[in-house]
Amino acid sequence: MTQIIIATLALTLVHIWLVPAFFNRVHLKYLLGSRDEGLELSIGAARAGRAATNFQESLVPFLAMCLLAMINGADLLVLAQVWLGLRVVYLVCYVGGINPARSVVWIASLVVLVLMAVRLL
């Protein structure tokens, strides 16, 4: 489970920093400045930002359940791997504008979180 948590934290770095930075690389001066003024984002940058926000919303419950599984000796490894895989696919679908697959993948990742919670009870 430790490897899944580390992989999830790596995905967090990709979601929150690398992908948005890639789409905002044309605004390097803005990124290196104090960001006092607004910035008009490209479609890709806006999608990356929304995907990152969505990821952050599910990250805390996921990590909490992983830690509870480690403490309680519950076997959530396969579900955690599935969730992580779904979140990678979600990022690709969201940034790539692949609809409605993005929504289906999000629902599947939510179902996996619920299944993890049920296994912990």
PDB file of N, CA and C in Angstrom:
ATOM      1  N   MET A   1       0.827  -1.199   0.000  1.00  0.00           N
ATOM      2  CA  MET A   1       0.000   0.000   0.000  1.00  0.00           C
ATOM      3  C   MET A   1       0.870   1.261   0.000  1.00  0.00           C
ATOM      4  N   THR A   2       2.053   1.152   0.596  1.00  0.00           N
ATOM      5  CA  THR A   2       2.950   2.301   0.617  1.00  0.00           C
ATOM      6  C   THR A   2       3.300   2.754  -0.801  1.00  0.00           C
ATOM      7  N   GLN A   3       3.528   1.797  -1.699  1.00  0.00           N
ATOM      8  CA  GLN A   3       3.863   2.141  -3.085  1.00  0.00           C
ATOM      9  C   GLN A   3       2.698   2.862  -3.764  1.00  0.00           C
ATOM     10  N   ILE A   4       1.476   2.467  -3.462  1.00  0.00           N
ATOM     11  CA  ILE A   4       0.299   3.122  -4.041  1.00  0.00           C
ATOM     12  C   ILE A   4       0.205   4.559  -3.539  1.00  0.00           C
ATOM     13  N   ILE A   5       0.458   4.760  -2.261  1.00  0.00           N
ATOM     14  CA  ILE A   5       0.421   6.115  -1.717  1.00  0.00           C
ATOM     15  C   ILE A   5       1.489   6.978  -2.376  1.00  0.00           C
ATOM     16  N   ILE A   6       2.686   6.451  -2.534  1.00  0.00           N
ATOM     17  CA  ILE A   6       3.767   7.208  -3.193  1.00  0.00           C
ATOM     18  C   ILE A   6       3.405   7.493  -4.649  1.00  0.00           C
ATOM     19  N   ALA A   7       2.856   6.504  -5.342  1.00  0.00           N
ATOM     20  CA  ALA A   7       2.441   6.709  -6.737  1.00  0.00           C
ATOM     21  C   ALA A   7       1.336   7.761  -6.825  1.00  0.00           C
ATOM     22  N   THR A   8       0.433   7.752  -5.867  1.00  0.00           N
ATOM     23  CA  THR A   8      -0.646   8.741  -5.845  1.00  0.00           C
ATOM     24  C   THR A   8      -0.085  10.134  -5.616  1.00  0.00           C
ATOM     25  N   LEU A   9       0.892  10.246  -4.747  1.00  0.00           N
ATOM     26  CA  LEU A   9       1.521  11.548  -4.531  1.00  0.00           C
ATOM     27  C   LEU A   9       2.269  12.016  -5.774  1.00  0.00           C
ATOM     28  N   ALA A  10       2.856  11.086  -6.514  1.00  0.00           N
ATOM     29  CA  ALA A  10       3.501  11.439  -7.780  1.00  0.00           C
ATOM     30  C   ALA A  10       2.453  11.922  -8.792  1.00  0.00           C
ATOM     31  N   LEU A  11       1.316  11.235  -8.832  1.00  0.00           N
ATOM     32  CA  LEU A  11       0.239  11.677  -9.720  1.00  0.00           C
ATOM     33  C   LEU A  11      -0.267  13.051  -9.302  1.00  0.00           C
ATOM     34  N   THR A  12      -0.266  13.320  -8.010  1.00  0.00           N
ATOM     35  CA  THR A  12      -0.671  14.636  -7.515  1.00  0.00           C
ATOM     36  C   THR A  12       0.252  15.710  -8.083  1.00  0.00           C
ATOM     37  N   LEU A  13       1.530  15.438  -8.079  1.00  0.00           N
ATOM     38  CA  LEU A  13       2.495  16.377  -8.648  1.00  0.00           C
ATOM     39  C   LEU A  13       2.220  16.611 -10.133  1.00  0.00           C
ATOM     40  N   VAL A  14       1.933  15.546 -10.849  1.00  0.00           N
ATOM     41  CA  VAL A  14       1.622  15.665 -12.281  1.00  0.00           C
ATOM     42  C   VAL A  14       0.344  16.480 -12.477  1.00  0.00           C
ATOM     43  N   HIS A  15      -0.694  16.122 -11.720  1.00  0.00           N
ATOM     44  CA  HIS A  15      -2.002  16.781 -11.839  1.00  0.00           C
ATOM     45  C   HIS A  15      -1.940  18.268 -11.515  1.00  0.00           C
ATOM     46  N   ILE A  16      -1.308  18.589 -10.406  1.00  0.00           N
ATOM     47  CA  ILE A  16      -1.394  19.945  -9.873  1.00  0.00           C
ATOM     48  C   ILE A  16      -0.303  20.861 -10.421  1.00  0.00           C
ATOM     49  N   TRP A  17       0.831  20.297 -10.791  1.00  0.00           N
ATOM     50  CA  TRP A  17       1.933  21.154 -11.205  1.00  0.00           C
ATOM     51  C   TRP A  17       2.366  20.943 -12.651  1.00  0.00           C
ATOM     52  N   LEU A  18       2.694  19.719 -13.029  1.00  0.00           N
ATOM     53  CA  LEU A  18       3.295  19.495 -14.349  1.00  0.00           C
ATOM     54  C   LEU A  18       2.345  19.736 -15.516  1.00  0.00           C
ATOM     55  N   VAL A  19       1.139  19.184 -15.457  1.00  0.00           N
ATOM     56  CA  VAL A  19       0.213  19.355 -16.581  1.00  0.00           C
ATOM     57  C   VAL A  19      -0.202  20.820 -16.729  1.00  0.00           C
ATOM     58  N   PRO A  20      -0.625  21.491 -15.636  1.00  0.00           N
ATOM     59  CA  PRO A  20      -0.936  22.916 -15.808  1.00  0.00           C
ATOM     60  C   PRO A  20       0.277  23.742 -16.268  1.00  0.00           C
ATOM     61  N   ALA A  21       1.466  23.430 -15.771  1.00  0.00           N
ATOM     62  CA  ALA A  21       2.666  24.160 -16.197  1.00  0.00           C
ATOM     63  C   ALA A  21       2.926  23.957 -17.682  1.00  0.00           C
ATOM     64  N   PHE A  22       2.683  22.747 -18.177  1.00  0.00           N
ATOM     65  CA  PHE A  22       2.866  22.483 -19.603  1.00  0.00           C
ATOM     66  C   PHE A  22       1.962  23.390 -20.440  1.00  0.00           C
ATOM     67  N   PHE A  23       0.702  23.495 -20.037  1.00  0.00           N
ATOM     68  CA  PHE A  23      -0.231  24.312 -20.809  1.00  0.00           C
ATOM     69  C   PHE A  23       0.008  25.811 -20.618  1.00  0.00           C
ATOM     70  N   ASN A  24       0.645  26.191 -19.530  1.00  0.00           N
ATOM     71  CA  ASN A  24       0.904  27.604 -19.264  1.00  0.00           C
ATOM     72  C   ASN A  24       2.319  28.033 -19.599  1.00  0.00           C
ATOM     73  N   ARG A  25       3.085  27.190 -20.271  1.00  0.00           N
ATOM     74  CA  ARG A  25       4.488  27.509 -20.537  1.00  0.00           C
ATOM     75  C   ARG A  25       4.641  28.767 -21.385  1.00  0.00           C
ATOM     76  N   VAL A  26       3.625  29.144 -22.143  1.00  0.00           N
ATOM     77  CA  VAL A  26       3.711  30.375 -22.938  1.00  0.00           C
ATOM     78  C   VAL A  26       3.608  31.609 -22.046  1.00  0.00           C
ATOM     79  N   HIS A  27       3.173  31.424 -20.808  1.00  0.00           N
ATOM     80  CA  HIS A  27       3.021  32.527 -19.858  1.00  0.00           C
ATOM     81  C   HIS A  27       4.109  32.465 -18.790  1.00  0.00           C
ATOM     82  N   LEU A  28       5.323  32.150 -19.187  1.00  0.00           N
ATOM     83  CA  LEU A  28       6.417  31.965 -18.234  1.00  0.00           C
ATOM     84  C   LEU A  28       6.634  33.204 -17.364  1.00  0.00           C
ATOM     85  N   LYS A  29       6.551  34.383 -17.959  1.00  0.00           N
ATOM     86  CA  LYS A  29       6.734  35.614 -17.188  1.00  0.00           C
ATOM     87  C   LYS A  29       5.682  35.701 -16.086  1.00  0.00           C
ATOM     88  N   TYR A  30       4.452  35.364 -16.405  1.00  0.00           N
ATOM     89  CA  TYR A  30       3.375  35.369 -15.411  1.00  0.00           C
ATOM     90  C   TYR A  30       3.647  34.340 -14.314  1.00  0.00           C
ATOM     91  N   LEU A  31       4.056  33.139 -14.715  1.00  0.00           N
ATOM     92  CA  LEU A  31       4.299  32.071 -13.754  1.00  0.00           C
ATOM     93  C   LEU A  31       5.442  32.393 -12.803  1.00  0.00           C
ATOM     94  N   LEU A  32       6.423  33.149 -13.274  1.00  0.00           N
ATOM     95  CA  LEU A  32       7.567  33.503 -12.442  1.00  0.00           C
ATOM     96  C   LEU A  32       7.344  34.786 -11.650  1.00  0.00           C
ATOM     97  N   GLY A  33       6.229  35.459 -11.908  1.00  0.00           N
ATOM     98  CA  GLY A  33       5.939  36.721 -11.229  1.00  0.00           C
ATOM     99  C   GLY A  33       5.043  36.528 -10.016  1.00  0.00           C
ATOM    100  N   SER A  34       4.505  37.636  -9.541  1.00  0.00           N
ATOM    101  CA  SER A  34       3.659  37.599  -8.343  1.00  0.00           C
ATOM    102  C   SER A  34       2.205  37.263  -8.657  1.00  0.00           C
ATOM    103  N   ARG A  35       1.861  37.187  -9.930  1.00  0.00           N
ATOM    104  CA  ARG A  35       0.518  36.785 -10.389  1.00  0.00           C
ATOM    105  C   ARG A  35      -0.579  37.695  -9.854  1.00  0.00           C
ATOM    106  N   ASP A  36      -0.310  38.988  -9.830  1.00  0.00           N
ATOM    107  CA  ASP A  36      -1.289  39.944  -9.326  1.00  0.00           C
ATOM    108  C   ASP A  36      -2.443  40.157 -10.295  1.00  0.00           C
ATOM    109  N   GLU A  37      -2.186  40.008 -11.568  1.00  0.00           N
ATOM    110  CA  GLU A  37      -3.224  40.214 -12.572  1.00  0.00           C
ATOM    111  C   GLU A  37      -3.768  38.874 -13.029  1.00  0.00           C
ATOM    112  N   GLY A  38      -4.975  38.907 -13.538  1.00  0.00           N
ATOM    113  CA  GLY A  38      -5.592  37.690 -14.054  1.00  0.00           C
ATOM    114  C   GLY A  38      -4.898  37.210 -15.319  1.00  0.00           C
ATOM    115  N   LEU A  39      -5.172  35.989 -15.669  1.00  0.00           N
ATOM    116  CA  LEU A  39      -4.563  35.400 -16.854  1.00  0.00           C
ATOM    117  C   LEU A  39      -5.631  34.637 -17.607  1.00  0.00           C
ATOM    118  N   GLU A  40      -5.739  34.904 -18.888  1.00  0.00           N
ATOM    119  CA  GLU A  40      -6.677  34.164 -19.708  1.00  0.00           C
ATOM    120  C   GLU A  40      -6.029  32.837 -20.082  1.00  0.00           C
ATOM    121  N   LEU A  41      -6.685  31.747 -19.673  1.00  0.00           N
ATOM    122  CA  LEU A  41      -6.120  30.419 -19.886  1.00  0.00           C
ATOM    123  C   LEU A  41      -6.577  29.830 -21.208  1.00  0.00           C
ATOM    124  N   SER A  42      -5.731  29.004 -21.780  1.00  0.00           N
ATOM    125  CA  SER A  42      -6.122  28.248 -22.962  1.00  0.00           C
ATOM    126  C   SER A  42      -7.130  27.186 -22.535  1.00  0.00           C
ATOM    127  N   ILE A  43      -7.773  26.564 -23.482  1.00  0.00           N
ATOM    128  CA  ILE A  43      -8.733  25.505 -23.170  1.00  0.00           C
ATOM    129  C   ILE A  43      -8.037  24.376 -22.424  1.00  0.00           C
ATOM    130  N   GLY A  44      -6.857  23.987 -22.890  1.00  0.00           N
ATOM    131  CA  GLY A  44      -6.112  22.907 -22.231  1.00  0.00           C
ATOM    132  C   GLY A  44      -5.731  23.260 -20.812  1.00  0.00           C
ATOM    133  N   ALA A  45      -5.280  24.499 -20.590  1.00  0.00           N
ATOM    134  CA  ALA A  45      -4.896  24.923 -19.240  1.00  0.00           C
ATOM    135  C   ALA A  45      -6.109  24.962 -18.322  1.00  0.00           C
ATOM    136  N   ALA A  46      -7.225  25.430 -18.820  1.00  0.00           N
ATOM    137  CA  ALA A  46      -8.444  25.471 -18.008  1.00  0.00           C
ATOM    138  C   ALA A  46      -8.899  24.052 -17.663  1.00  0.00           C
ATOM    139  N   ARG A  47      -8.845  23.162 -18.633  1.00  0.00           N
ATOM    140  CA  ARG A  47      -9.212  21.764 -18.365  1.00  0.00           C
ATOM    141  C   ARG A  47      -8.274  21.147 -17.338  1.00  0.00           C
ATOM    142  N   ALA A  48      -6.977  21.401 -17.481  1.00  0.00           N
ATOM    143  CA  ALA A  48      -5.993  20.856 -16.538  1.00  0.00           C
ATOM    144  C   ALA A  48      -6.271  21.372 -15.128  1.00  0.00           C
ATOM    145  N   GLY A  49      -6.631  22.626 -15.009  1.00  0.00           N
ATOM    146  CA  GLY A  49      -6.948  23.200 -13.706  1.00  0.00           C
ATOM    147  C   GLY A  49      -8.177  22.570 -13.082  1.00  0.00           C
ATOM    148  N   ARG A  50      -9.206  22.375 -13.892  1.00  0.00           N
ATOM    149  CA  ARG A  50     -10.434  21.745 -13.370  1.00  0.00           C
ATOM    150  C   ARG A  50     -10.182  20.290 -13.007  1.00  0.00           C
ATOM    151  N   ALA A  51      -9.379  19.597 -13.807  1.00  0.00           N
ATOM    152  CA  ALA A  51      -9.049  18.203 -13.497  1.00  0.00           C
ATOM    153  C   ALA A  51      -8.263  18.125 -12.190  1.00  0.00           C
ATOM    154  N   ALA A  52      -7.362  19.068 -11.971  1.00  0.00           N
ATOM    155  CA  ALA A  52      -6.573  19.088 -10.738  1.00  0.00           C
ATOM    156  C   ALA A  52      -7.470  19.337  -9.532  1.00  0.00           C
ATOM    157  N   THR A  53      -8.410  20.247  -9.668  1.00  0.00           N
ATOM    158  CA  THR A  53      -9.340  20.522  -8.569  1.00  0.00           C
ATOM    159  C   THR A  53     -10.158  19.280  -8.253  1.00  0.00           C
ATOM    160  N   ASN A  54     -10.643  18.606  -9.279  1.00  0.00           N
ATOM    161  CA  ASN A  54     -11.421  17.389  -9.077  1.00  0.00           C
ATOM    162  C   ASN A  54     -10.576  16.320  -8.393  1.00  0.00           C
ATOM    163  N   PHE A  55      -9.337  16.184  -8.809  1.00  0.00           N
ATOM    164  CA  PHE A  55      -8.440  15.198  -8.212  1.00  0.00           C
ATOM    165  C   PHE A  55      -8.232  15.490  -6.733  1.00  0.00           C
ATOM    166  N   GLN A  56      -8.021  16.761  -6.401  1.00  0.00           N
ATOM    167  CA  GLN A  56      -7.804  17.143  -5.006  1.00  0.00           C
ATOM    168  C   GLN A  56      -9.014  16.814  -4.131  1.00  0.00           C
ATOM    169  N   GLU A  57     -10.198  16.894  -4.704  1.00  0.00           N
ATOM    170  CA  GLU A  57     -11.413  16.605  -3.943  1.00  0.00           C
ATOM    171  C   GLU A  57     -11.501  15.142  -3.535  1.00  0.00           C
ATOM    172  N   SER A  58     -10.953  14.246  -4.324  1.00  0.00           N
ATOM    173  CA  SER A  58     -11.019  12.828  -3.985  1.00  0.00           C
ATOM    174  C   SER A  58      -9.722  12.308  -3.361  1.00  0.00           C
ATOM    175  N   LEU A  59      -8.681  13.115  -3.396  1.00  0.00           N
ATOM    176  CA  LEU A  59      -7.381  12.686  -2.887  1.00  0.00           C
ATOM    177  C   LEU A  59      -7.393  12.439  -1.379  1.00  0.00           C
ATOM    178  N   VAL A  60      -7.957  13.336  -0.610  1.00  0.00           N
ATOM    179  CA  VAL A  60      -7.946  13.202   0.851  1.00  0.00           C
ATOM    180  C   VAL A  60      -8.701  11.949   1.305  1.00  0.00           C
ATOM    181  N   PRO A  61      -9.922  11.700   0.824  1.00  0.00           N
ATOM    182  CA  PRO A  61     -10.582  10.457   1.234  1.00  0.00           C
ATOM    183  C   PRO A  61      -9.802   9.209   0.826  1.00  0.00           C
ATOM    184  N   PHE A  62      -9.219   9.236  -0.371  1.00  0.00           N
ATOM    185  CA  PHE A  62      -8.454   8.087  -0.828  1.00  0.00           C
ATOM    186  C   PHE A  62      -7.262   7.822   0.084  1.00  0.00           C
ATOM    187  N   LEU A  63      -6.481   8.856   0.358  1.00  0.00           N
ATOM    188  CA  LEU A  63      -5.306   8.681   1.219  1.00  0.00           C
ATOM    189  C   LEU A  63      -5.702   8.267   2.626  1.00  0.00           C
ATOM    190  N   ALA A  64      -6.783   8.834   3.130  1.00  0.00           N
ATOM    191  CA  ALA A  64      -7.245   8.456   4.468  1.00  0.00           C
ATOM    192  C   ALA A  64      -7.613   6.975   4.509  1.00  0.00           C
ATOM    193  N   MET A  65      -8.294   6.488   3.484  1.00  0.00           N
ATOM    194  CA  MET A  65      -8.670   5.074   3.470  1.00  0.00           C
ATOM    195  C   MET A  65      -7.453   4.171   3.297  1.00  0.00           C
ATOM    196  N   CYS A  66      -6.471   4.615   2.526  1.00  0.00           N
ATOM    197  CA  CYS A  66      -5.232   3.833   2.396  1.00  0.00           C
ATOM    198  C   CYS A  66      -4.532   3.717   3.749  1.00  0.00           C
ATOM    199  N   LEU A  67      -4.451   4.818   4.458  1.00  0.00           N
ATOM    200  CA  LEU A  67      -3.812   4.791   5.778  1.00  0.00           C
ATOM    201  C   LEU A  67      -4.604   3.935   6.764  1.00  0.00           C
ATOM    202  N   LEU A  68      -5.930   4.050   6.738  1.00  0.00           N
ATOM    203  CA  LEU A  68      -6.759   3.204   7.603  1.00  0.00           C
ATOM    204  C   LEU A  68      -6.573   1.729   7.262  1.00  0.00           C
ATOM    205  N   ALA A  69      -6.447   1.432   5.992  1.00  0.00           N
ATOM    206  CA  ALA A  69      -6.230   0.038   5.577  1.00  0.00           C
ATOM    207  C   ALA A  69      -4.906  -0.471   6.126  1.00  0.00           C
ATOM    208  N   MET A  70      -3.876   0.361   6.091  1.00  0.00           N
ATOM    209  CA  MET A  70      -2.580  -0.045   6.621  1.00  0.00           C
ATOM    210  C   MET A  70      -2.647  -0.246   8.133  1.00  0.00           C
ATOM    211  N   ILE A  71      -3.324   0.648   8.823  1.00  0.00           N
ATOM    212  CA  ILE A  71      -3.441   0.558  10.282  1.00  0.00           C
ATOM    213  C   ILE A  71      -4.256  -0.663  10.700  1.00  0.00           C
ATOM    214  N   ASN A  72      -5.358  -0.903   9.991  1.00  0.00           N
ATOM    215  CA  ASN A  72      -6.281  -1.979  10.355  1.00  0.00           C
ATOM    216  C   ASN A  72      -5.958  -3.310   9.688  1.00  0.00           C
ATOM    217  N   GLY A  73      -4.973  -3.344   8.824  1.00  0.00           N
ATOM    218  CA  GLY A  73      -4.626  -4.584   8.134  1.00  0.00           C
ATOM    219  C   GLY A  73      -5.646  -5.009   7.097  1.00  0.00           C
ATOM    220  N   ALA A  74      -6.415  -4.061   6.580  1.00  0.00           N
ATOM    221  CA  ALA A  74      -7.405  -4.377   5.547  1.00  0.00           C
ATOM    222  C   ALA A  74      -6.715  -4.439   4.185  1.00  0.00           C
ATOM    223  N   ASP A  75      -7.180  -5.336   3.337  1.00  0.00           N
ATOM    224  CA  ASP A  75      -6.578  -5.499   2.013  1.00  0.00           C
ATOM    225  C   ASP A  75      -7.358  -4.680   0.986  1.00  0.00           C
ATOM    226  N   LEU A  76      -6.878  -3.471   0.742  1.00  0.00           N
ATOM    227  CA  LEU A  76      -7.499  -2.593  -0.250  1.00  0.00           C
ATOM    228  C   LEU A  76      -6.583  -2.355  -1.445  1.00  0.00           C
ATOM    229  N   LEU A  77      -5.539  -3.158  -1.559  1.00  0.00           N
ATOM    230  CA  LEU A  77      -4.524  -2.906  -2.577  1.00  0.00           C
ATOM    231  C   LEU A  77      -5.099  -2.897  -3.989  1.00  0.00           C
ATOM    232  N   VAL A  78      -5.889  -3.884  -4.340  1.00  0.00           N
ATOM    233  CA  VAL A  78      -6.419  -3.953  -5.707  1.00  0.00           C
ATOM    234  C   VAL A  78      -7.346  -2.771  -5.984  1.00  0.00           C
ATOM    235  N   LEU A  79      -8.206  -2.461  -5.017  1.00  0.00           N
ATOM    236  CA  LEU A  79      -9.099  -1.310  -5.204  1.00  0.00           C
ATOM    237  C   LEU A  79      -8.304  -0.017  -5.323  1.00  0.00           C
ATOM    238  N   ALA A  80      -7.260   0.125  -4.526  1.00  0.00           N
ATOM    239  CA  ALA A  80      -6.426   1.323  -4.598  1.00  0.00           C
ATOM    240  C   ALA A  80      -5.734   1.419  -5.954  1.00  0.00           C
ATOM    241  N   GLN A  81      -5.262   0.299  -6.468  1.00  0.00           N
ATOM    242  CA  GLN A  81      -4.628   0.296  -7.790  1.00  0.00           C
ATOM    243  C   GLN A  81      -5.632   0.674  -8.880  1.00  0.00           C
ATOM    244  N   VAL A  82      -6.836   0.152  -8.767  1.00  0.00           N
ATOM    245  CA  VAL A  82      -7.880   0.476  -9.750  1.00  0.00           C
ATOM    246  C   VAL A  82      -8.191   1.972  -9.697  1.00  0.00           C
ATOM    247  N   TRP A  83      -8.343   2.505  -8.475  1.00  0.00           N
ATOM    248  CA  TRP A  83      -8.635   3.937  -8.325  1.00  0.00           C
ATOM    249  C   TRP A  83      -7.536   4.782  -8.964  1.00  0.00           C
ATOM    250  N   LEU A  84      -6.294   4.429  -8.676  1.00  0.00           N
ATOM    251  CA  LEU A  84      -5.170   5.187  -9.223  1.00  0.00           C
ATOM    252  C   LEU A  84      -5.163   5.126 -10.750  1.00  0.00           C
ATOM    253  N   GLY A  85      -5.392   3.947 -11.293  1.00  0.00           N
ATOM    254  CA  GLY A  85      -5.462   3.805 -12.751  1.00  0.00           C
ATOM    255  C   GLY A  85      -6.588   4.626 -13.355  1.00  0.00           C
ATOM    256  N   LEU A  86      -7.734   4.605 -12.700  1.00  0.00           N
ATOM    257  CA  LEU A  86      -8.872   5.389 -13.192  1.00  0.00           C
ATOM    258  C   LEU A  86      -8.564   6.882 -13.163  1.00  0.00           C
ATOM    259  N   ARG A  87      -7.847   7.322 -12.136  1.00  0.00           N
ATOM    260  CA  ARG A  87      -7.530   8.747 -12.053  1.00  0.00           C
ATOM    261  C   ARG A  87      -6.533   9.170 -13.137  1.00  0.00           C
ATOM    262  N   VAL A  88      -5.649   8.279 -13.537  1.00  0.00           N
ATOM    263  CA  VAL A  88      -4.744   8.581 -14.653  1.00  0.00           C
ATOM    264  C   VAL A  88      -5.558   8.700 -15.938  1.00  0.00           C
ATOM    265  N   VAL A  89      -6.455   7.751 -16.151  1.00  0.00           N
ATOM    266  CA  VAL A  89      -7.314   7.785 -17.342  1.00  0.00           C
ATOM    267  C   VAL A  89      -8.182   9.037 -17.329  1.00  0.00           C
ATOM    268  N   TYR A  90      -8.680   9.409 -16.148  1.00  0.00           N
ATOM    269  CA  TYR A  90      -9.517  10.606 -16.013  1.00  0.00           C
ATOM    270  C   TYR A  90      -8.745  11.854 -16.464  1.00  0.00           C
ATOM    271  N   LEU A  91      -7.500  11.971 -16.027  1.00  0.00           N
ATOM    272  CA  LEU A  91      -6.691  13.126 -16.419  1.00  0.00           C
ATOM    273  C   LEU A  91      -6.547  13.194 -17.934  1.00  0.00           C
ATOM    274  N   VAL A  92      -6.243  12.063 -18.544  1.00  0.00           N
ATOM    275  CA  VAL A  92      -6.096  12.022 -20.008  1.00  0.00           C
ATOM    276  C   VAL A  92      -7.410  12.395 -20.686  1.00  0.00           C
ATOM    277  N   CYS A  93      -8.508  11.837 -20.202  1.00  0.00           N
ATOM    278  CA  CYS A  93      -9.820  12.135 -20.798  1.00  0.00           C
ATOM    279  C   CYS A  93     -10.191  13.604 -20.626  1.00  0.00           C
ATOM    280  N   TYR A  94      -9.944  14.152 -19.438  1.00  0.00           N
ATOM    281  CA  TYR A  94     -10.339  15.538 -19.187  1.00  0.00           C
ATOM    282  C   TYR A  94      -9.525  16.502 -20.040  1.00  0.00           C
ATOM    283  N   VAL A  95      -8.204  16.360 -19.999  1.00  0.00           N
ATOM    284  CA  VAL A  95      -7.354  17.270 -20.759  1.00  0.00           C
ATOM    285  C   VAL A  95      -7.572  17.083 -22.258  1.00  0.00           C
ATOM    286  N   GLY A  96      -7.819  15.844 -22.664  1.00  0.00           N
ATOM    287  CA  GLY A  96      -8.049  15.559 -24.078  1.00  0.00           C
ATOM    288  C   GLY A  96      -9.458  15.862 -24.560  1.00  0.00           C
ATOM    289  N   GLY A  97     -10.355  16.246 -23.651  1.00  0.00           N
ATOM    290  CA  GLY A  97     -11.736  16.554 -24.032  1.00  0.00           C
ATOM    291  C   GLY A  97     -12.503  15.339 -24.505  1.00  0.00           C
ATOM    292  N   ILE A  98     -12.199  14.188 -23.926  1.00  0.00           N
ATOM    293  CA  ILE A  98     -12.849  12.945 -24.337  1.00  0.00           C
ATOM    294  C   ILE A  98     -14.099  12.741 -23.476  1.00  0.00           C
ATOM    295  N   ASN A  99     -15.214  13.117 -24.048  1.00  0.00           N
ATOM    296  CA  ASN A  99     -16.499  13.024 -23.348  1.00  0.00           C
ATOM    297  C   ASN A  99     -17.399  12.056 -24.090  1.00  0.00           C
ATOM    298  N   PRO A 100     -18.263  11.332 -23.467  1.00  0.00           N
ATOM    299  CA  PRO A 100     -18.579  11.271 -22.039  1.00  0.00           C
ATOM    300  C   PRO A 100     -17.694  10.299 -21.259  1.00  0.00           C
ATOM    301  N   ALA A 101     -16.645   9.765 -21.877  1.00  0.00           N
ATOM    302  CA  ALA A 101     -15.769   8.813 -21.186  1.00  0.00           C
ATOM    303  C   ALA A 101     -15.230   9.398 -19.883  1.00  0.00           C
ATOM    304  N   ARG A 102     -14.915  10.694 -19.896  1.00  0.00           N
ATOM    305  CA  ARG A 102     -14.406  11.350 -18.691  1.00  0.00           C
ATOM    306  C   ARG A 102     -15.378  11.174 -17.532  1.00  0.00           C
ATOM    307  N   SER A 103     -16.644  11.393 -17.774  1.00  0.00           N
ATOM    308  CA  SER A 103     -17.656  11.263 -16.714  1.00  0.00           C
ATOM    309  C   SER A 103     -17.814   9.817 -16.259  1.00  0.00           C
ATOM    310  N   VAL A 104     -17.750   8.890 -17.188  1.00  0.00           N
ATOM    311  CA  VAL A 104     -17.861   7.471 -16.839  1.00  0.00           C
ATOM    312  C   VAL A 104     -16.684   7.056 -15.960  1.00  0.00           C
ATOM    313  N   VAL A 105     -15.492   7.503 -16.303  1.00  0.00           N
ATOM    314  CA  VAL A 105     -14.301   7.176 -15.519  1.00  0.00           C
ATOM    315  C   VAL A 105     -14.400   7.809 -14.131  1.00  0.00           C
ATOM    316  N   TRP A 106     -14.895   9.035 -14.045  1.00  0.00           N
ATOM    317  CA  TRP A 106     -15.054   9.694 -12.747  1.00  0.00           C
ATOM    318  C   TRP A 106     -16.032   8.924 -11.866  1.00  0.00           C
ATOM    319  N   ILE A 107     -17.158   8.507 -12.440  1.00  0.00           N
ATOM    320  CA  ILE A 107     -18.150   7.735 -11.682  1.00  0.00           C
ATOM    321  C   ILE A 107     -17.530   6.421 -11.208  1.00  0.00           C
ATOM    322  N   ALA A 108     -16.784   5.772 -12.074  1.00  0.00           N
ATOM    323  CA  ALA A 108     -16.131   4.512 -11.688  1.00  0.00           C
ATOM    324  C   ALA A 108     -15.157   4.741 -10.531  1.00  0.00           C
ATOM    325  N   SER A 109     -14.405   5.830 -10.565  1.00  0.00           N
ATOM    326  CA  SER A 109     -13.460   6.102  -9.474  1.00  0.00           C
ATOM    327  C   SER A 109     -14.202   6.397  -8.174  1.00  0.00           C
ATOM    328  N   LEU A 110     -15.344   7.032  -8.264  1.00  0.00           N
ATOM    329  CA  LEU A 110     -16.163   7.286  -7.076  1.00  0.00           C
ATOM    330  C   LEU A 110     -16.709   5.978  -6.501  1.00  0.00           C
ATOM    331  N   VAL A 111     -17.138   5.080  -7.372  1.00  0.00           N
ATOM    332  CA  VAL A 111     -17.623   3.765  -6.933  1.00  0.00           C
ATOM    333  C   VAL A 111     -16.506   3.011  -6.213  1.00  0.00           C
ATOM    334  N   VAL A 112     -15.300   3.092  -6.739  1.00  0.00           N
ATOM    335  CA  VAL A 112     -14.165   2.423  -6.099  1.00  0.00           C
ATOM    336  C   VAL A 112     -13.922   3.001  -4.703  1.00  0.00           C
ATOM    337  N   LEU A 113     -14.030   4.320  -4.555  1.00  0.00           N
ATOM    338  CA  LEU A 113     -13.876   4.918  -3.228  1.00  0.00           C
ATOM    339  C   LEU A 113     -14.932   4.391  -2.255  1.00  0.00           C
ATOM    340  N   VAL A 114     -16.156   4.272  -2.726  1.00  0.00           N
ATOM    341  CA  VAL A 114     -17.225   3.738  -1.878  1.00  0.00           C
ATOM    342  C   VAL A 114     -16.926   2.287  -1.506  1.00  0.00           C
ATOM    343  N   LEU A 115     -16.468   1.491  -2.464  1.00  0.00           N
ATOM    344  CA  LEU A 115     -16.125   0.105  -2.178  1.00  0.00           C
ATOM    345  C   LEU A 115     -14.987   0.010  -1.150  1.00  0.00           C
ATOM    346  N   MET A 116     -14.027   0.920  -1.254  1.00  0.00           N
ATOM    347  CA  MET A 116     -12.952   0.937  -0.271  1.00  0.00           C
ATOM    348  C   MET A 116     -13.501   1.221   1.127  1.00  0.00           C
ATOM    349  N   ALA A 117     -14.402   2.190   1.211  1.00  0.00           N
ATOM    350  CA  ALA A 117     -15.005   2.544   2.508  1.00  0.00           C
ATOM    351  C   ALA A 117     -15.799   1.371   3.079  1.00  0.00           C
ATOM    352  N   VAL A 118     -16.544   0.700   2.225  1.00  0.00           N
ATOM    353  CA  VAL A 118     -17.339  -0.449   2.679  1.00  0.00           C
ATOM    354  C   VAL A 118     -16.433  -1.552   3.206  1.00  0.00           C
ATOM    355  N   ARG A 119     -15.323  -1.791   2.540  1.00  0.00           N
ATOM    356  CA  ARG A 119     -14.369  -2.831   2.995  1.00  0.00           C
ATOM    357  C   ARG A 119     -13.742  -2.478   4.342  1.00  0.00           C
ATOM    358  N   LEU A 120     -13.662  -1.193   4.639  1.00  0.00           N
ATOM    359  CA  LEU A 120     -13.079  -0.787   5.913  1.00  0.00           C
ATOM    360  C   LEU A 120     -14.046  -0.935   7.089  1.00  0.00           C
ATOM    361  N   LEU A 121     -15.327  -1.031   6.779  1.00  0.00           N
ATOM    362  CA  LEU A 121     -16.339  -1.145   7.862  1.00  0.00           C
ATOM    363  C   LEU A 121     -16.328  -2.523   8.498  1.00  0.00           C
TER     364      LEU A 121
END
